Protein backbone atom coordinates (compact mmCIF):
# COMPACT_ATOMS: atom_id res chain seq x y z
CA MET A 1 15.81 36.09 -1.85
CA TYR A 2 13.75 33.64 -3.85
CA ILE A 3 14.01 30.96 -6.49
CA GLU A 4 12.22 31.60 -9.76
CA ASN A 5 9.49 29.10 -10.53
CA PRO A 6 10.87 26.84 -13.30
CA ASP A 7 7.32 26.16 -14.55
CA ARG A 8 7.32 29.76 -15.84
CA THR A 9 4.10 30.63 -14.00
CA ASN A 10 3.77 33.93 -12.14
CA LEU A 11 4.00 32.13 -8.80
CA ARG A 12 7.10 32.63 -6.69
CA TYR A 13 8.81 29.85 -4.75
CA GLY A 14 9.57 30.36 -1.07
CA TYR A 15 11.64 28.66 1.62
CA THR A 16 10.81 26.20 4.37
CA THR A 17 11.16 26.87 8.07
CA GLY A 18 14.03 24.36 8.02
CA ALA A 19 15.93 26.37 5.41
CA CYS A 20 15.38 29.61 7.34
CA ALA A 21 16.57 28.02 10.58
CA THR A 22 19.68 26.72 8.83
CA ALA A 23 20.53 30.13 7.38
CA ALA A 24 20.03 31.83 10.75
CA THR A 25 22.26 29.22 12.40
CA ARG A 26 25.02 29.63 9.85
CA ALA A 27 24.96 33.41 10.36
CA ALA A 28 24.95 33.20 14.15
CA LEU A 29 27.84 30.76 14.16
CA ILE A 30 29.94 32.87 11.78
CA MET A 31 29.29 35.82 14.09
CA MET A 32 30.35 33.69 17.06
CA VAL A 33 33.62 32.77 15.40
CA THR A 34 34.52 36.13 13.85
CA GLY A 35 32.96 38.59 16.29
CA LYS A 36 31.39 40.47 13.37
CA THR A 37 27.77 40.68 12.23
CA VAL A 38 26.81 39.40 8.78
CA ASP A 39 24.18 40.72 6.38
CA TYR A 40 23.67 37.68 4.16
CA VAL A 41 24.54 33.98 4.12
CA GLU A 42 24.24 31.26 1.53
CA ILE A 43 23.25 27.68 2.29
CA ASN A 44 22.91 24.48 0.28
CA LEU A 45 19.35 23.17 -0.01
CA PRO A 46 18.31 19.49 -0.22
CA ALA A 47 16.77 20.42 -3.60
CA LYS A 48 20.38 20.73 -4.84
CA LYS A 49 20.18 24.51 -5.08
CA THR A 50 22.01 27.29 -3.29
CA ALA A 51 19.96 30.00 -1.61
CA ARG A 52 20.97 33.43 -0.24
CA PHE A 53 19.21 34.76 2.85
CA LEU A 54 19.00 38.24 4.39
CA ILE A 55 20.02 38.09 8.04
CA GLU A 56 18.05 40.19 10.49
CA ASN A 57 18.35 41.00 14.20
CA PRO A 58 22.00 39.93 14.57
CA GLU A 59 23.20 40.10 18.18
CA ILE A 60 26.67 39.29 19.53
CA TYR A 61 27.12 38.55 23.22
CA GLU A 62 30.06 37.31 25.25
CA ASN A 63 28.97 33.66 25.35
CA TYR A 64 26.47 33.34 22.52
CA CYS A 65 25.19 34.88 19.29
CA ILE A 66 21.71 35.26 17.80
CA ALA A 67 20.49 35.79 14.23
CA SER A 68 17.15 35.48 12.48
CA VAL A 69 15.62 35.04 9.03
CA LYS A 70 12.15 36.22 8.09
CA LYS A 71 10.13 33.29 6.77
CA ASP A 72 9.04 33.82 3.15
CA GLY A 73 6.73 31.18 1.74
CA GLY A 74 6.70 32.78 -1.71
CA ASP A 75 3.24 32.82 -3.25
CA ASP A 76 2.11 29.76 -1.34
CA PRO A 77 -0.64 30.50 1.25
CA ASP A 78 1.68 29.54 4.12
CA VAL A 79 0.58 30.62 7.63
CA THR A 80 4.21 30.76 8.79
CA THR A 81 5.14 33.47 6.26
CA GLY A 82 6.27 36.61 8.06
CA LEU A 83 7.48 34.83 11.20
CA TYR A 84 11.09 35.31 12.26
CA ILE A 85 13.04 32.09 12.66
CA TYR A 86 15.77 32.68 15.25
CA SER A 87 18.88 30.68 16.00
CA ARG A 88 20.98 31.06 19.13
CA VAL A 89 24.38 29.34 19.09
CA GLU A 90 26.76 28.84 21.97
CA TYR A 91 29.76 26.67 22.64
CA SER A 92 29.21 23.65 24.85
CA GLU A 93 31.39 21.53 27.10
CA LYS A 94 29.65 18.48 25.63
CA PRO A 95 31.12 17.08 22.39
CA GLY A 96 29.05 17.15 19.23
CA ILE A 97 26.17 19.38 18.18
CA GLU A 98 23.04 19.63 20.30
CA ILE A 99 19.92 21.04 18.61
CA THR A 100 16.89 22.03 20.64
CA GLY A 101 13.77 24.13 20.36
CA GLY A 102 12.97 27.35 22.15
CA ASN A 103 9.95 29.63 22.34
CA GLY A 104 7.46 29.06 19.50
CA VAL A 105 8.80 25.67 18.41
CA GLY A 106 6.38 22.86 19.23
CA VAL A 107 7.10 19.80 21.34
CA VAL A 108 6.03 16.34 20.17
CA THR A 109 3.75 14.55 22.64
CA LYS A 110 2.36 11.63 20.61
CA GLU A 111 3.75 8.61 18.78
CA GLY A 112 3.51 8.27 15.00
CA LEU A 113 5.61 11.26 13.96
CA PRO A 114 9.20 11.27 12.62
CA ILE A 115 10.29 12.80 15.94
CA LYS A 116 9.79 10.88 19.18
CA PRO A 117 7.68 12.33 22.02
CA GLY A 118 9.44 14.76 24.30
CA ASN A 119 11.60 16.23 21.53
CA PRO A 120 11.22 19.59 19.75
CA ALA A 121 9.30 19.41 16.47
CA ILE A 122 12.33 19.80 14.25
CA ASN A 123 12.03 17.21 11.50
CA PRO A 124 14.87 14.91 10.32
CA VAL A 125 15.85 16.81 7.16
CA PRO A 126 16.10 20.21 8.91
CA LEU A 127 18.10 18.55 11.69
CA LYS A 128 20.48 17.21 9.08
CA MET A 129 20.71 20.63 7.41
CA LEU A 130 21.43 22.37 10.71
CA ARG A 131 24.18 19.92 11.64
CA ALA A 132 25.75 20.09 8.18
CA ALA A 133 25.81 23.90 8.14
CA ALA A 134 27.25 24.12 11.65
CA THR A 135 29.86 21.47 10.96
CA GLU A 136 30.96 23.25 7.79
CA VAL A 137 31.52 26.54 9.63
CA LEU A 138 33.33 24.91 12.56
CA GLU A 139 35.64 22.94 10.28
CA SER A 140 36.38 25.90 8.01
CA TYR A 141 37.61 27.89 11.03
CA GLY A 142 39.33 24.94 12.69
CA ILE A 143 37.02 25.06 15.73
CA ARG A 144 36.67 21.88 17.78
CA HIS A 145 34.18 22.98 20.45
CA GLY A 146 30.91 21.27 21.16
CA LEU A 147 27.92 23.38 20.12
CA LYS A 148 24.38 24.03 21.26
CA ILE A 149 21.85 25.39 18.76
CA THR A 150 18.46 26.66 19.92
CA ILE A 151 15.80 27.43 17.31
CA SER A 152 12.94 29.72 18.35
CA VAL A 153 10.02 31.37 16.59
CA PRO A 154 8.35 34.32 18.33
CA GLY A 155 4.63 34.09 17.66
CA GLY A 156 4.93 30.46 16.68
CA ALA A 157 2.59 29.22 19.41
CA GLU A 158 -0.27 31.40 18.14
CA VAL A 159 0.28 30.55 14.48
CA ALA A 160 0.46 26.83 15.30
CA LYS A 161 -3.23 26.94 16.25
CA LYS A 162 -3.99 27.43 12.54
CA THR A 163 -2.09 24.27 11.60
CA CYS A 164 -2.58 20.54 12.19
CA ASN A 165 -0.05 20.58 15.04
CA PRO A 166 -2.53 20.52 17.96
CA LYS A 167 -4.38 17.58 16.40
CA LEU A 168 -1.10 15.72 15.91
CA GLY A 169 -0.04 16.32 19.49
CA ILE A 170 2.62 18.93 18.69
CA LEU A 171 2.10 21.50 21.41
CA GLY A 172 3.35 25.01 22.04
CA GLY A 173 4.47 26.07 18.59
CA ILE A 174 5.08 25.36 14.94
CA SER A 175 7.21 22.62 13.41
CA ILE A 176 10.54 23.18 11.68
CA LEU A 177 9.88 21.39 8.41
CA GLY A 178 10.99 20.82 4.84
CA THR A 179 12.37 17.98 2.75
CA ARG A 180 13.59 20.18 -0.12
CA GLY A 181 14.18 23.52 1.52
CA ILE A 182 11.84 25.08 -1.02
CA VAL A 183 8.14 25.90 -0.68
CA ILE A 184 6.45 25.19 -4.01
CA PRO A 185 3.41 27.43 -4.53
CA PHE A 186 0.27 25.38 -4.87
CA SER A 187 -1.51 26.43 -8.06
CA ASP A 188 -4.22 23.97 -9.11
CA SER A 189 -4.43 25.14 -12.71
CA SER A 190 -0.69 25.30 -13.38
CA TRP A 191 0.00 21.94 -11.72
CA LYS A 192 -2.84 20.23 -13.63
CA ALA A 193 -1.58 21.75 -16.85
CA SER A 194 1.91 20.39 -16.21
CA ILE A 195 0.45 16.92 -15.51
CA VAL A 196 -1.45 16.94 -18.81
CA LEU A 197 1.65 18.05 -20.68
CA GLY A 198 3.73 15.33 -19.03
CA ILE A 199 1.24 12.64 -20.00
CA ARG A 200 1.06 13.91 -23.59
CA VAL A 201 4.84 14.02 -23.94
CA ALA A 202 5.19 10.44 -22.70
CA SER A 203 2.41 9.24 -24.99
CA ARG A 204 3.91 10.89 -28.07
CA LEU A 205 7.23 9.25 -27.25
CA GLY A 206 5.47 5.90 -27.53
CA MET A 207 5.39 5.16 -23.78
CA ASP A 208 2.35 3.22 -22.61
CA THR A 209 3.38 2.89 -18.94
CA LEU A 210 3.54 5.83 -16.52
CA VAL A 211 4.51 6.20 -12.87
CA PHE A 212 2.44 8.70 -10.90
CA SER A 213 3.88 9.85 -7.56
CA THR A 214 1.92 11.83 -4.99
CA GLY A 215 4.89 13.76 -3.58
CA GLY A 216 8.62 14.42 -3.58
CA ARG A 217 9.68 11.50 -1.39
CA SER A 218 7.54 9.09 -3.39
CA ASP A 219 9.02 10.41 -6.61
CA THR A 220 12.55 9.88 -5.28
CA ALA A 221 11.69 6.35 -4.22
CA VAL A 222 10.13 5.21 -7.50
CA HIS A 223 13.09 6.55 -9.45
CA LYS A 224 15.20 4.08 -7.45
CA ILE A 225 12.68 1.24 -7.84
CA PHE A 226 12.16 1.61 -11.61
CA GLN A 227 15.67 2.49 -12.68
CA ASP A 228 15.14 1.21 -16.23
CA PHE A 229 12.28 3.63 -16.91
CA LYS A 230 12.74 6.81 -18.89
CA GLU A 231 12.49 10.14 -17.10
CA GLU A 232 9.38 11.05 -19.13
CA GLN A 233 7.53 8.12 -17.54
CA PHE A 234 7.68 9.69 -14.07
CA ILE A 235 5.07 12.35 -13.29
CA GLU A 236 4.59 13.96 -9.88
CA ILE A 237 0.83 14.46 -9.64
CA GLY A 238 0.59 15.77 -6.08
CA ASP A 239 -2.93 15.38 -4.75
CA PHE A 240 -4.68 15.38 -8.15
CA LEU A 241 -5.12 11.62 -8.36
CA GLY A 242 -8.55 11.30 -9.96
CA PHE A 243 -7.84 14.07 -12.46
CA SER A 244 -4.50 12.52 -13.46
CA VAL A 245 -5.86 9.01 -13.87
CA LYS A 246 -8.68 10.23 -16.11
CA ARG A 247 -6.24 12.20 -18.28
CA ALA A 248 -4.03 9.11 -18.59
CA VAL A 249 -7.02 7.08 -19.81
CA ASP A 250 -8.04 9.81 -22.25
CA THR A 251 -4.51 9.87 -23.67
CA GLY A 252 -4.41 6.12 -24.24
CA ILE A 253 -1.96 5.12 -21.52
CA ARG A 254 -2.33 1.37 -20.91
CA ASN A 255 -0.41 0.77 -17.67
CA LEU A 256 -0.21 2.95 -14.59
CA ILE A 257 1.83 2.67 -11.41
CA ILE A 258 0.70 4.93 -8.56
CA ALA A 259 3.22 5.53 -5.81
CA GLY A 260 2.58 7.25 -2.52
CA MET A 261 3.26 7.27 1.19
CA PRO A 262 0.90 5.14 3.32
CA GLY A 263 -1.24 8.12 4.29
CA LYS A 264 -2.03 9.13 0.70
CA ILE A 265 -2.66 5.56 -0.43
CA SER A 266 -4.94 4.91 2.54
CA LYS A 267 -7.07 7.85 1.38
CA LEU A 268 -7.24 6.33 -2.09
CA ALA A 269 -8.23 2.96 -0.62
CA ASP A 270 -11.08 4.80 1.17
CA ASN A 271 -12.24 6.02 -2.27
CA ASN A 272 -10.89 9.58 -2.17
CA MET A 273 -9.65 10.85 -5.52
CA ASP A 274 -8.50 14.27 -4.31
CA LEU A 275 -5.79 13.66 -1.72
CA HIS A 276 -5.33 17.21 -0.47
CA SER A 277 -5.91 17.62 3.26
CA SER A 278 -8.64 20.20 2.60
CA LYS A 279 -10.60 17.69 0.50
CA SER A 280 -10.02 14.38 2.28
CA SER A 281 -8.67 13.02 5.53
CA VAL A 282 -7.40 9.70 6.79
CA ASN A 283 -10.21 7.47 8.06
CA PHE A 284 -8.75 5.45 10.91
CA ASP A 285 -12.01 3.52 11.36
CA PHE A 286 -11.65 2.41 7.75
CA LEU A 287 -8.10 1.24 8.41
CA ALA A 288 -9.31 -0.57 11.53
CA SER A 289 -11.94 -2.33 9.42
CA ILE A 290 -9.17 -3.59 7.14
CA GLY A 291 -7.40 -5.01 10.18
CA LYS A 292 -10.63 -6.63 11.34
CA LYS A 293 -11.16 -8.38 7.99
CA ILE A 294 -7.60 -9.67 8.13
CA GLY A 295 -8.24 -11.09 11.58
CA TYR A 296 -6.16 -8.84 13.81
CA PRO A 297 -6.79 -9.11 17.58
CA ASP A 298 -9.25 -6.63 19.06
CA GLU A 299 -6.43 -4.85 20.89
CA ILE A 300 -4.61 -4.13 17.61
CA ILE A 301 -7.82 -3.02 15.89
CA SER A 302 -8.50 -0.60 18.76
CA ARG A 303 -4.99 0.83 18.53
CA ILE A 304 -5.42 1.38 14.78
CA SER A 305 -8.74 3.18 15.19
CA HIS A 306 -7.24 5.45 17.87
CA ALA A 307 -3.93 6.04 16.04
CA ASN A 308 -2.55 9.55 15.68
CA THR A 309 -1.11 9.23 12.17
CA VAL A 310 -0.84 6.62 9.43
CA LEU A 311 2.84 6.29 10.28
CA ASN A 312 1.64 5.27 13.75
CA VAL A 313 -0.60 2.62 12.10
CA MET A 314 2.36 1.33 10.10
CA GLU A 315 4.36 1.02 13.32
CA ILE A 316 1.49 -0.85 15.00
CA ILE A 317 1.22 -3.40 12.16
CA ASN A 318 4.96 -3.37 11.39
CA TYR A 319 4.22 -2.76 7.70
CA ASP A 320 2.36 -6.09 7.51
CA SER A 321 2.33 -7.13 3.84
CA ILE A 322 -1.17 -8.64 4.17
CA PHE A 323 -2.53 -5.29 5.42
CA LEU A 324 -0.69 -3.35 2.69
CA ASP A 325 -1.93 -5.75 -0.01
CA ALA A 326 -5.50 -5.18 1.18
CA ILE A 327 -4.98 -1.40 0.90
CA LYS A 328 -3.56 -1.85 -2.59
CA GLU A 329 -6.50 -4.04 -3.70
CA ARG A 330 -9.06 -1.52 -2.47
CA SER A 331 -7.16 1.30 -4.19
CA ILE A 332 -7.09 -0.54 -7.51
CA GLU A 333 -10.81 -1.35 -7.24
CA ASN A 334 -11.62 2.33 -6.67
CA ILE A 335 -9.55 3.43 -9.66
CA ASN A 336 -11.14 0.77 -11.87
CA GLN A 337 -14.54 2.24 -11.01
CA ILE A 338 -13.63 5.60 -12.54
CA THR A 339 -11.75 4.16 -15.54
CA GLY A 340 -14.06 1.31 -16.45
CA ASN A 341 -11.06 -1.05 -16.34
CA LYS A 342 -9.55 0.73 -19.33
CA ILE A 343 -6.11 0.89 -17.76
CA LYS A 344 -4.06 -1.63 -15.79
CA VAL A 345 -3.13 -0.22 -12.40
CA ASP A 346 -0.53 -1.17 -9.81
CA ILE A 347 0.18 0.50 -6.46
CA GLU A 348 3.51 1.13 -4.76
CA ILE A 349 3.30 2.05 -1.06
CA ILE A 350 6.48 3.88 -0.12
CA LYS A 351 7.89 3.34 3.34
CA ASN A 352 9.02 6.35 5.37
CA GLU A 353 12.67 5.29 5.19
CA TYR A 354 12.71 7.02 1.78
């Protein structure tokens, strides 16, 4: 029940809570329609792969069905590994598909997250996956009922205390997450080795301009922005910013574009070269100081300093180009300090719409 790591390391990929919830939902709905339990289901992942899941604890009742999938994070140190992600499906008199959270799924209480306060912490991509899987089953059997899906995670409330959820205002459980459906094991040495190899390959192909992205969404976005670039010019560096920039300089790269979501770039602007949450955190007082230099009113500056997330800051300033340019300038200055101005740097801040 896992995807082999294409980097040929010994680390095993796992699956997100969103993928597990989708598989459990597909199984429960098939049981609802057919009246028979299922042992396995396959689902399509956002990473354009198909995954097969073992279904556990299947239960068929008169008005609803339940199924679960045991969360497997692969070889990533994921605190949710071992939890059972349950889905309960039942027909509804209301049209459409309603998705809600049950026991062990957190509830959003603060602004600045992709989900508005008062809603279960089921992120947009998992919501889309759940709806797509349910719609596929309903249509394949010619069913036109409304549907209610309830995702629950026994033990989720306790495990959530080990995550950032309480700090972010997500209370009572874990979040149902995942933009790819796959959990990529975080190996510093293997990832750094792949970055070095990527830079070397591009250099030997005569490319003097590279695009570094700090994550999957940023990588997707810059592929759309720089459509004329060759694939070898794009390198996903994760959180290893300082390391990657130094290797680019050592290899003779002359131009560098660094792309990241506002949170990552704000860390860079605050002179952090390792962007992992264990090594650096967002400094909202620093962001407030940027607003103060620009000339924002005191009320806006106070809201920035007390913001919950960087997305919340972006909502407060409405992605003000003057603010973003100031972040970019500080980021470039910090990189120039470690490179001695040996490489020309540009910054792309990726909006959350991507």
